Amino acid sequence: MRNARVVDYAQLRRNAAVLKAGLPRGCRFCAVVKANAYGHGLIPAVQALEGEADWFAVATPEEALSCRSATKSPVLLLSPPDGEIGKLAGAEISVVAAGLPDIPRLAREAGRAGRRLKVHLAVDCGMHRLGLWRKEDWRRAADLLAAEPFLQVEGLMTHFCDDDPAFSAQNARRFAEAEGLFRPRFPGILCHAAATSFAGDPQKAFGMVRCGLALYGYGTALPVRPCLRFEAGVVCVRTVPAGETVGYGRTFCTERETELCVISAGYADGYPRALSNLGQAEINGKLCPVVGRVCMDLLTADATGAGARPGDRAVLYAPSRPELSLQRNADLAGTIVYELLTNLNNRSGLCPLPKGASL
C-alpha cells in the first residue's frame, strides 16, 4: 500500500464511552463524523460507534446518505442542503435550517418530493456563522415552521465557539431564551449544542451534545486518546555527498555524506508543505528529519543510519512518539490538529489496527 491511515477503532469507541459518561443522565451524545470522520473513515467509524453514539452528524448530503447506509441511528446534516431533499427525507435524514429563507425553500422542495422533512433550526448565540441572531427572527421562524405541513420541527441547535467560561455562559443564557420561545410551540424539540471543551461547559444541561475533535482523541482534558497513525512507503534510498542541495528551490544542503530516503506521501495526500525541513519520519525505529520541500506526491528524509530500504514503512504521524504527534506537527506547520486530520484523504488506504497491535 502506497500510504495508509491506520486506525484503532476500538480506541475510538472507548473515546466515545468516556465522553458519553461525562454527560448528565438523559443527555444524548452526537458523534460528529463529517469530513470522512475527521480522516478516520466515515463508514468504519460509524460502525465502530454504533451503540455508543445516539446520533451522528455530517456536513454534506453525500456524507449523510453514506452515513445512513451504515446506521439506523438518527443522522443530522449540519448545513442547509442545496438539493437532494427528496433523498434526504426518504432516508430519514434530519437537516438544518440556518436562516429564514431556508424554511420556505426546504418546505417547497419537500412538498415537491411528497416527503416530510425533519428540521433543526440553528440559533446564533455569538459565533455569527450560521443561525438566527435577532429575537424577532426567532419568532418569525417559529410562525413559518408551524405553518409548513411538510416540515417536522425536530431540533433547536447552536454552536459554542470558545471554551471561555464567561462567554460560554453568555451563549447558554441566550440559547435558553430561544428554547423558552420555541418549546411551548414545539414541545418535543431536541435542544443541542457543540463546544470546544467538555470541562465545565454549560451546554451539558441540554438534550444533546455534539462532539467532534475530542471523539478522535484531542482537545479535551478528559482521558481520551488519539486513534490514528499515518504512514507511507519508502520508494528509494540514495547516498549523496556533502554540499548537495535537495528538492525544489534547493532549500536544504547536505553537510555530510547523507542517505536520502524518498517517501510516498506529499501535500496531495494531506502531508502539509509547511512541514518542509521541519517534519520527521520514523524509519526502522529511527527519527529521520524531513529535508527539502514536501512535494505533491513525495517527500525526502535524511535517513542516515536508519538502514532504510525500498519497501520499508515510514511513520509520519503517530501518538506513540511525541515528535510525531498531530499536535506537534500542527504547531510546526502553523495550523491546527483539525486541519492535519481532515486533509488526510482517500489517496491513503484505510487500515484497521490489528488486534493486539498498538499505534
Protein backbone atom coordinates (compact mmCIF):
# COMPACT_ATOMS: atom_id res chain seq x y z
CA MET A 1 0.00 0.00 0.00
CA ARG A 2 1.42 3.37 -1.06
CA ASN A 3 0.46 5.05 2.20
CA ALA A 4 -2.06 4.35 4.91
CA ARG A 5 -4.15 5.69 7.76
CA VAL A 6 -4.02 3.04 10.45
CA VAL A 7 -6.96 3.49 12.83
CA ASP A 8 -7.64 1.96 16.23
CA TYR A 9 -11.42 1.75 16.04
CA ALA A 10 -11.63 0.09 19.45
CA GLN A 11 -9.98 3.22 20.91
CA LEU A 12 -12.43 5.42 19.00
CA ARG A 13 -15.27 3.54 20.65
CA ARG A 14 -13.60 3.87 24.06
CA ASN A 15 -13.26 7.62 23.49
CA ALA A 16 -16.99 7.84 22.82
CA ALA A 17 -17.73 5.93 26.01
CA VAL A 18 -15.52 8.31 28.04
CA LEU A 19 -17.17 11.40 26.58
CA LYS A 20 -20.67 10.00 26.95
CA ALA A 21 -20.01 9.07 30.59
CA GLY A 22 -19.22 12.72 31.31
CA LEU A 23 -22.72 13.83 30.35
CA PRO A 24 -25.67 14.06 32.76
CA ARG A 25 -28.27 11.31 32.72
CA GLY A 26 -30.63 11.71 29.78
CA CYS A 27 -28.30 13.91 27.71
CA ARG A 28 -27.76 12.34 24.32
CA PHE A 29 -24.39 12.02 22.61
CA CYS A 30 -23.97 13.01 18.95
CA ALA A 31 -20.80 11.82 17.18
CA VAL A 32 -19.66 14.29 14.53
CA VAL A 33 -18.33 12.18 11.65
CA LYS A 34 -18.09 14.83 8.93
CA ALA A 35 -15.02 15.16 6.72
CA ASN A 36 -14.69 11.37 6.46
CA ALA A 37 -14.85 11.10 10.26
CA TYR A 38 -12.00 13.63 10.58
CA GLY A 39 -9.88 11.47 8.29
CA HIS A 40 -10.61 8.22 10.18
CA GLY A 41 -13.03 6.80 7.57
CA LEU A 42 -16.75 7.54 7.71
CA ILE A 43 -18.25 4.07 7.34
CA PRO A 44 -15.90 2.15 9.67
CA ALA A 45 -16.06 4.96 12.24
CA VAL A 46 -19.87 4.89 12.24
CA GLN A 47 -19.82 1.11 12.53
CA ALA A 48 -17.39 1.30 15.46
CA LEU A 49 -19.50 3.92 17.23
CA GLU A 50 -22.82 2.12 16.75
CA GLY A 51 -24.39 1.63 20.16
CA GLU A 52 -22.30 4.36 21.81
CA ALA A 53 -23.43 7.32 19.72
CA ASP A 54 -27.11 8.25 19.96
CA TRP A 55 -26.89 10.46 16.86
CA PHE A 56 -24.42 11.10 14.04
CA ALA A 57 -23.72 14.47 12.40
CA VAL A 58 -22.23 15.20 8.98
CA ALA A 59 -21.66 18.19 6.69
CA THR A 60 -22.85 17.24 3.19
CA PRO A 61 -25.78 15.31 1.65
CA GLU A 62 -23.32 12.74 0.29
CA GLU A 63 -21.91 12.14 3.77
CA ALA A 64 -25.43 11.92 5.21
CA LEU A 65 -26.53 9.25 2.75
CA SER A 66 -23.29 7.29 3.25
CA CYS A 67 -23.76 7.52 7.00
CA ARG A 68 -27.33 6.27 6.67
CA SER A 69 -26.06 3.19 4.80
CA ALA A 70 -24.09 2.24 7.93
CA THR A 71 -26.54 3.04 10.73
CA LYS A 72 -30.20 3.18 11.66
CA SER A 73 -29.48 5.84 14.29
CA PRO A 74 -30.59 9.44 13.67
CA VAL A 75 -28.37 11.37 11.25
CA LEU A 76 -28.16 15.17 11.18
CA LEU A 77 -26.94 17.21 8.20
CA LEU A 78 -25.30 20.24 9.81
CA SER A 79 -25.57 22.65 6.86
CA PRO A 80 -28.70 23.55 4.87
CA PRO A 81 -28.76 21.34 1.74
CA ASP A 82 -29.00 22.90 -1.73
CA GLY A 83 -30.67 19.82 -3.19
CA GLU A 84 -31.29 16.11 -2.67
CA ILE A 85 -34.22 16.97 -0.39
CA GLY A 86 -36.32 14.03 -1.56
CA LYS A 87 -33.47 11.57 -0.99
CA LEU A 88 -32.66 13.05 2.40
CA ALA A 89 -36.25 12.98 3.58
CA GLY A 90 -36.70 9.45 2.23
CA ALA A 91 -33.61 8.32 4.15
CA GLU A 92 -34.89 9.93 7.36
CA ILE A 93 -32.01 12.44 7.41
CA SER A 94 -32.61 15.49 9.59
CA VAL A 95 -31.44 18.82 8.13
CA VAL A 96 -30.56 22.24 9.48
CA ALA A 97 -32.39 25.47 8.64
CA ALA A 98 -29.89 28.26 9.25
CA GLY A 99 -31.86 31.30 8.11
CA LEU A 100 -35.40 32.44 7.44
CA PRO A 101 -35.18 31.82 3.65
CA ASP A 102 -34.27 28.17 4.29
CA ILE A 103 -37.68 27.42 5.81
CA PRO A 104 -39.96 28.03 2.80
CA ARG A 105 -37.32 26.63 0.44
CA LEU A 106 -36.98 23.35 2.34
CA ALA A 107 -40.76 23.10 2.70
CA ARG A 108 -41.27 23.68 -1.02
CA GLU A 109 -38.72 21.04 -2.04
CA ALA A 110 -40.05 18.54 0.49
CA GLY A 111 -43.55 19.13 -0.82
CA ARG A 112 -42.41 18.50 -4.39
CA ALA A 113 -40.90 15.22 -3.27
CA GLY A 114 -44.03 14.36 -1.29
CA ARG A 115 -41.90 13.76 1.81
CA ARG A 116 -41.99 15.24 5.29
CA LEU A 117 -38.58 16.62 6.22
CA LYS A 118 -37.19 16.73 9.76
CA VAL A 119 -35.68 20.15 10.53
CA HIS A 120 -33.37 21.52 13.23
CA LEU A 121 -33.37 25.31 13.47
CA ALA A 122 -29.98 26.92 14.11
CA VAL A 123 -29.79 29.76 16.62
CA ASP A 124 -26.80 32.11 16.62
CA CYS A 125 -25.66 32.61 20.22
CA GLY A 126 -22.49 34.57 19.45
CA MET A 127 -20.41 32.70 16.88
CA HIS A 128 -22.04 34.61 13.99
CA ARG A 129 -21.65 31.86 11.45
CA LEU A 130 -24.94 30.01 10.91
CA GLY A 131 -28.27 30.59 12.58
CA LEU A 132 -30.75 33.28 13.56
CA TRP A 133 -29.39 36.08 15.75
CA ARG A 134 -32.26 38.54 16.15
CA LYS A 135 -35.07 37.55 18.51
CA GLU A 136 -37.69 38.86 16.11
CA ASP A 137 -36.31 36.36 13.59
CA TRP A 138 -36.78 33.59 16.16
CA ARG A 139 -40.45 34.47 16.43
CA ARG A 140 -40.84 34.72 12.66
CA ALA A 141 -39.15 31.33 12.23
CA ALA A 142 -41.50 29.74 14.75
CA ASP A 143 -44.50 31.07 12.80
CA LEU A 144 -43.11 29.87 9.47
CA LEU A 145 -42.24 26.41 10.79
CA ALA A 146 -45.62 25.94 12.43
CA ALA A 147 -47.37 26.71 9.14
CA GLU A 148 -45.43 24.20 6.99
CA PRO A 149 -47.05 20.74 6.79
CA PHE A 150 -44.03 19.22 5.03
CA LEU A 151 -41.59 20.23 7.79
CA GLN A 152 -41.33 18.42 11.12
CA VAL A 153 -39.60 20.59 13.74
CA GLU A 154 -37.29 18.16 15.49
CA GLY A 155 -34.46 20.22 16.97
CA LEU A 156 -33.10 23.57 18.08
CA MET A 157 -29.34 23.89 17.89
CA THR A 158 -26.41 26.24 18.42
CA HIS A 159 -22.63 26.19 18.37
CA PHE A 160 -20.37 27.36 21.19
CA CYS A 161 -17.18 28.67 19.61
CA ASP A 162 -14.91 29.19 22.62
CA ASP A 163 -14.18 27.45 25.92
CA ASP A 164 -14.05 30.71 27.87
CA PRO A 165 -16.47 30.06 30.79
CA ALA A 166 -17.93 33.59 30.84
CA PHE A 167 -18.55 33.68 27.09
CA SER A 168 -19.97 30.15 27.10
CA ALA A 169 -22.31 31.09 29.95
CA GLN A 170 -23.48 34.08 27.92
CA ASN A 171 -24.08 31.77 24.94
CA ALA A 172 -26.02 29.36 27.13
CA ARG A 173 -28.27 32.10 28.52
CA ARG A 174 -29.12 33.23 25.01
CA PHE A 175 -29.85 29.68 23.91
CA ALA A 176 -32.08 29.18 26.95
CA GLU A 177 -34.07 32.24 25.82
CA ALA A 178 -34.52 30.67 22.40
CA GLU A 179 -35.58 27.39 23.97
CA GLY A 180 -38.12 29.26 26.08
CA LEU A 181 -39.65 30.70 22.93
CA PHE A 182 -39.71 27.50 20.86
CA ARG A 183 -40.52 24.75 23.35
CA PRO A 184 -44.12 25.85 24.08
CA ARG A 185 -44.87 25.71 20.36
CA PHE A 186 -42.86 22.55 19.63
CA PRO A 187 -42.94 20.55 22.89
CA GLY A 188 -40.82 17.61 21.78
CA ILE A 189 -37.98 19.72 20.39
CA LEU A 190 -34.44 18.43 20.98
CA CYS A 191 -32.06 21.22 22.07
CA HIS A 192 -28.39 20.62 21.41
CA ALA A 193 -25.03 22.36 21.16
CA ALA A 194 -21.40 21.83 20.26
CA ALA A 195 -18.45 23.24 22.16
CA THR A 196 -14.68 23.09 22.07
CA SER A 197 -14.39 21.69 25.60
CA PHE A 198 -16.27 19.41 27.94
CA ALA A 199 -14.68 20.89 31.07
CA GLY A 200 -17.47 22.61 32.99
CA ASP A 201 -19.36 23.55 29.85
CA PRO A 202 -22.90 24.79 30.49
CA GLN A 203 -24.44 23.08 27.47
CA LYS A 204 -24.44 19.79 29.39
CA ALA A 205 -27.90 20.74 30.60
CA PHE A 206 -29.20 20.48 27.03
CA GLY A 207 -30.82 17.44 25.48
CA MET A 208 -27.79 16.52 23.39
CA VAL A 209 -24.12 17.44 22.96
CA ARG A 210 -22.39 17.18 19.57
CA CYS A 211 -18.78 16.09 19.88
CA GLY A 212 -16.13 16.32 17.15
CA LEU A 213 -12.40 16.57 17.79
CA ALA A 214 -12.48 15.13 21.32
CA LEU A 215 -14.02 11.96 19.91
CA TYR A 216 -10.80 11.39 17.96
CA GLY A 217 -8.56 11.97 20.98
CA TYR A 218 -7.76 15.68 21.01
CA GLY A 219 -8.83 18.98 22.56
CA THR A 220 -10.16 17.88 25.94
CA ALA A 221 -8.84 17.20 29.43
CA LEU A 222 -10.93 14.02 29.61
CA PRO A 223 -8.98 10.72 29.27
CA VAL A 224 -9.41 10.12 25.54
CA ARG A 225 -6.57 9.02 23.27
CA PRO A 226 -5.68 9.62 19.61
CA CYS A 227 -6.53 6.66 17.43
CA LEU A 228 -4.78 7.26 14.08
CA ARG A 229 -1.31 6.67 12.65
CA PHE A 230 -0.27 7.91 9.19
CA GLU A 231 2.47 6.05 7.37
CA ALA A 232 3.90 5.78 3.87
CA GLY A 233 6.24 3.62 1.88
CA VAL A 234 9.95 4.10 1.22
CA VAL A 235 10.31 4.48 -2.56
CA CYS A 236 14.06 4.69 -2.93
CA VAL A 237 17.26 5.41 -0.98
CA ARG A 238 20.34 7.15 -2.35
CA THR A 239 23.61 8.38 -0.90
CA VAL A 240 24.81 11.89 -1.79
CA PRO A 241 28.00 13.70 -0.72
CA ALA A 242 28.24 16.80 1.43
CA GLY A 243 27.36 20.08 -0.26
CA GLU A 244 24.44 18.76 -2.34
CA THR A 245 21.11 20.55 -2.37
CA VAL A 246 17.78 18.71 -2.14
CA GLY A 247 14.40 19.28 -3.75
CA TYR A 248 12.55 22.18 -5.34
CA GLY A 249 14.07 25.54 -4.61
CA ARG A 250 17.21 23.88 -3.15
CA THR A 251 16.10 24.74 0.41
CA PHE A 252 18.30 22.09 2.08
CA CYS A 253 22.01 21.42 1.67
CA THR A 254 23.77 18.33 3.00
CA GLU A 255 26.56 18.96 5.50
CA ARG A 256 27.94 15.41 5.28
CA GLU A 257 27.53 12.29 3.22
CA THR A 258 23.81 11.64 3.54
CA GLU A 259 21.40 8.80 2.88
CA LEU A 260 18.30 10.37 1.36
CA CYS A 261 15.10 8.42 1.62
CA VAL A 262 12.20 9.25 -0.73
CA ILE A 263 8.80 8.59 0.89
CA SER A 264 5.47 8.17 -0.90
CA ALA A 265 3.47 10.99 0.72
CA GLY A 266 3.09 14.63 -0.20
CA TYR A 267 0.75 17.55 0.13
CA ALA A 268 -1.79 15.93 -2.21
CA ASP A 269 -2.05 13.17 0.40
CA GLY A 270 -2.56 15.69 3.19
CA TYR A 271 1.00 15.98 4.49
CA PRO A 272 1.45 19.76 4.52
CA ARG A 273 4.09 21.59 2.53
CA ALA A 274 4.57 23.76 5.62
CA LEU A 275 6.42 20.80 7.22
CA SER A 276 9.22 21.11 4.66
CA ASN A 277 12.52 20.97 6.59
CA LEU A 278 10.52 20.72 9.85
CA GLY A 279 8.71 17.38 9.98
CA GLN A 280 10.12 13.98 10.92
CA ALA A 281 9.57 10.40 9.84
CA GLU A 282 10.24 7.24 11.82
CA ILE A 283 12.00 4.57 9.75
CA ASN A 284 13.08 1.31 11.38
CA GLY A 285 12.64 2.95 14.78
CA LYS A 286 14.87 5.95 13.97
CA LEU A 287 13.59 9.52 13.68
CA CYS A 288 14.64 11.00 10.35
CA PRO A 289 14.21 14.71 9.58
CA VAL A 290 12.22 15.74 6.51
CA VAL A 291 14.63 17.63 4.25
CA GLY A 292 13.87 19.84 1.29
CA ARG A 293 10.40 20.86 0.20
CA VAL A 294 7.49 18.48 0.54
CA CYS A 295 6.26 17.75 -3.00
CA MET A 296 2.79 16.90 -4.28
CA ASP A 297 3.27 13.13 -4.07
CA LEU A 298 6.63 12.62 -2.35
CA LEU A 299 8.86 13.91 0.41
CA THR A 300 12.51 13.31 1.27
CA ALA A 301 14.05 12.48 4.65
CA ASP A 302 17.61 12.22 5.91
CA ALA A 303 17.66 8.51 6.74
CA THR A 304 21.37 8.26 7.50
CA GLY A 305 21.90 5.35 9.89
CA ALA A 306 18.30 4.06 9.63
CA GLY A 307 19.14 1.18 7.32
CA ALA A 308 16.24 2.18 5.10
CA ARG A 309 15.41 0.08 2.06
CA PRO A 310 12.71 0.38 -0.61
CA GLY A 311 9.53 -1.18 0.71
CA ASP A 312 10.12 -0.12 4.33
CA ARG A 313 7.42 1.89 6.07
CA ALA A 314 7.91 5.48 7.24
CA VAL A 315 5.64 6.71 10.04
CA LEU A 316 4.76 10.40 9.70
CA TYR A 317 2.11 10.88 12.39
CA ALA A 318 1.77 8.66 15.45
CA PRO A 319 0.51 9.16 19.00
CA SER A 320 3.20 6.86 20.40
CA ARG A 321 6.08 9.34 19.85
CA PRO A 322 5.82 12.98 20.94
CA GLU A 323 7.89 14.08 17.94
CA LEU A 324 5.29 12.58 15.58
CA SER A 325 2.17 13.69 17.41
CA LEU A 326 -0.51 15.55 15.48
CA GLN A 327 -0.31 18.45 17.92
CA ARG A 328 3.44 18.89 17.49
CA ASN A 329 3.18 18.69 13.70
CA ALA A 330 0.28 21.15 13.70
CA ASP A 331 2.34 23.56 15.79
CA LEU A 332 5.31 23.23 13.43
CA ALA A 333 3.07 23.78 10.40
CA GLY A 334 1.37 26.81 11.98
CA THR A 335 -2.06 25.21 11.88
CA ILE A 336 -4.43 23.11 13.99
CA VAL A 337 -4.95 19.38 14.50
CA TYR A 338 -8.34 19.60 12.75
CA GLU A 339 -6.65 20.61 9.50
CA LEU A 340 -3.98 17.91 9.56
CA LEU A 341 -6.55 15.19 10.26
CA THR A 342 -9.15 16.28 7.73
CA ASN A 343 -6.54 16.83 4.99
CA LEU A 344 -5.76 13.10 5.07
CA ASN A 345 -7.72 11.73 2.16
CA ASN A 346 -8.56 8.63 0.19
CA ARG A 347 -5.22 8.61 -1.61
CA SER A 348 -4.24 6.89 1.63
CA GLY A 349 -5.54 3.42 2.35
CA LEU A 350 -7.61 2.87 5.47
CA CYS A 351 -6.39 0.03 7.70
CA PRO A 352 -7.97 -1.05 10.99
CA LEU A 353 -5.29 -1.55 13.64
CA PRO A 354 -4.72 -5.31 14.01
CA LYS A 355 -5.88 -6.80 17.29
CA GLY A 356 -3.12 -6.71 19.87
CA ALA A 357 -1.09 -4.08 17.98
CA SER A 358 -0.51 -0.50 19.12
CA LEU A 359 -0.22 2.83 17.36
